[in-house]
Protein backbone atom coordinates (compact mmCIF):
# COMPACT_ATOMS: atom_id res chain seq x y z
CA GLN A 1 -17.62 19.22 39.83
CA VAL A 2 -17.37 15.51 39.11
CA GLN A 3 -13.88 14.05 38.90
CA LEU A 4 -12.59 10.51 38.44
CA VAL A 5 -8.87 9.95 39.04
CA GLU A 6 -7.24 6.60 38.28
CA SER A 7 -4.05 5.34 39.88
CA GLY A 8 -2.13 2.10 40.34
CA GLY A 9 -0.98 1.41 36.81
CA GLY A 10 2.53 0.26 35.98
CA LEU A 11 4.67 -2.58 34.71
CA VAL A 12 3.90 -6.14 35.76
CA GLN A 13 5.20 -9.52 34.60
CA PRO A 14 2.91 -12.10 32.98
CA GLY A 15 1.13 -14.03 35.71
CA GLY A 16 1.48 -11.14 38.13
CA SER A 17 -1.14 -9.00 39.83
CA LEU A 18 -2.03 -5.32 39.94
CA THR A 19 -4.83 -3.29 41.55
CA LEU A 20 -6.17 -0.09 40.02
CA SER A 21 -8.02 2.61 41.97
CA CYS A 22 -10.48 5.26 40.84
CA ALA A 23 -11.02 8.08 43.32
CA VAL A 24 -14.41 9.72 42.75
CA SER A 25 -15.48 13.20 43.83
CA GLY A 26 -18.56 15.31 43.15
CA ILE A 27 -20.95 12.34 43.24
CA ASN A 28 -21.57 9.37 45.47
CA SER A 29 -20.36 6.58 43.20
CA SER A 30 -22.35 3.96 45.12
CA LEU A 31 -25.54 5.44 43.63
CA TYR A 32 -24.47 4.79 40.05
CA THR A 33 -23.29 2.09 37.72
CA MET A 34 -19.52 2.38 37.41
CA ALA A 35 -17.15 0.63 35.03
CA TRP A 36 -13.58 0.04 33.95
CA TRP A 37 -12.70 0.33 30.27
CA ARG A 38 -9.39 -0.09 28.48
CA GLN A 39 -7.84 0.92 25.17
CA ALA A 40 -4.77 -0.47 23.45
CA PRO A 41 -3.05 1.39 20.57
CA GLY A 42 -4.94 0.94 17.32
CA LYS A 43 -7.93 -0.66 19.03
CA GLN A 44 -11.32 0.58 20.15
CA ARG A 45 -11.90 1.30 23.78
CA GLU A 46 -13.58 -1.75 25.31
CA LYS A 47 -15.60 -2.38 28.44
CA VAL A 48 -13.72 -4.54 30.94
CA ALA A 49 -15.89 -4.70 34.05
CA VAL A 50 -19.15 -3.17 35.32
CA LEU A 51 -20.44 -2.68 38.86
CA THR A 52 -24.01 -1.49 39.42
CA ASN A 53 -25.48 0.41 42.35
CA THR A 54 -26.94 -2.90 43.57
CA ASP A 55 -23.48 -4.55 43.42
CA THR A 56 -24.12 -6.79 40.45
CA THR A 57 -21.11 -7.29 38.18
CA ASP A 58 -20.39 -8.05 34.56
CA TYR A 59 -17.03 -8.84 32.93
CA GLU A 60 -15.60 -8.95 29.47
CA GLU A 61 -15.13 -12.61 28.56
CA SER A 62 -11.34 -12.57 28.38
CA VAL A 63 -10.97 -11.28 31.97
CA LYS A 64 -13.57 -13.48 33.67
CA GLY A 65 -12.04 -15.35 36.58
CA ARG A 66 -8.99 -13.09 36.61
CA PHE A 67 -10.32 -9.56 37.29
CA THR A 68 -12.57 -8.34 40.10
CA ILE A 69 -14.36 -4.98 40.22
CA SER A 70 -15.33 -3.61 43.64
CA ARG A 71 -15.96 -0.38 45.55
CA ASP A 72 -15.28 1.10 48.96
CA ASN A 73 -18.28 3.31 49.71
CA ALA A 74 -16.60 5.01 52.68
CA LYS A 75 -13.71 6.11 50.45
CA ASN A 76 -15.89 6.75 47.36
CA THR A 77 -13.37 4.71 45.41
CA LEU A 78 -13.70 2.07 42.70
CA TYR A 79 -11.14 -0.75 42.32
CA LEU A 80 -10.07 -3.26 39.72
CA GLN A 81 -8.09 -6.23 41.03
CA MET A 82 -6.23 -7.91 38.19
CA ASN A 83 -4.68 -11.35 38.68
CA ASN A 84 -2.83 -13.76 36.38
CA MET A 85 -2.18 -10.92 33.98
CA LYS A 86 -1.42 -11.52 30.32
CA PRO A 87 0.41 -9.41 27.71
CA GLU A 88 -2.91 -8.81 25.96
CA ASP A 89 -4.07 -6.93 29.08
CA THR A 90 -1.63 -4.15 28.16
CA ALA A 91 -3.64 -0.95 27.66
CA VAL A 92 -4.60 2.38 29.15
CA TYR A 93 -7.31 1.70 31.71
CA TYR A 94 -10.10 4.22 32.29
CA CYS A 95 -12.67 4.64 35.03
CA LYS A 96 -16.15 5.48 33.70
CA GLY A 97 -18.99 7.01 35.67
CA PRO A 98 -22.55 8.07 34.84
CA SER A 99 -23.52 10.52 32.12
CA SER A 100 -23.76 14.20 32.92
CA GLY A 101 -26.91 16.22 32.32
CA SER A 102 -25.69 16.93 28.79
CA GLY A 103 -25.38 13.21 28.07
CA VAL A 104 -21.57 13.03 28.10
CA PRO A 105 -20.16 10.33 30.40
CA TYR A 106 -17.64 11.15 33.07
CA TRP A 107 -14.20 9.62 32.41
CA GLY A 108 -10.97 9.51 34.32
CA GLN A 109 -7.66 10.49 32.75
CA GLY A 110 -6.48 6.89 32.37
CA THR A 111 -3.60 4.89 33.79
CA GLN A 112 -1.12 2.82 31.76
CA VAL A 113 -0.85 -0.90 32.45
CA THR A 114 1.94 -2.85 30.75
CA VAL A 115 2.30 -6.62 31.06
CA SER A 116 5.74 -7.72 29.90
CA ALA A 117 8.67 -9.86 30.95
């Protein structure tokens, strides 16, 4: 069974840093495009960062230069390093994997990130 489990969320002050982890099991995540998404209350879930199986990256415009997506293949874990955080980064962050055979993507359970003084 494929599972994605996020961790590392919490409360951070504006300008601070936080690193999220996504532990993957059931698949080798290095063989797939992986991504981080986030959703704030009342807003649509949005794509934050993408990492392909060839290690190319893509970022949502508002996080460029501040966030870095990466993976540790030995640990089968995806990371999101967040620096110079802003209150508008407050959201539940989700790890997204490939689609299953039925076409439904694999999602983690989410981890809350709150940026506040």
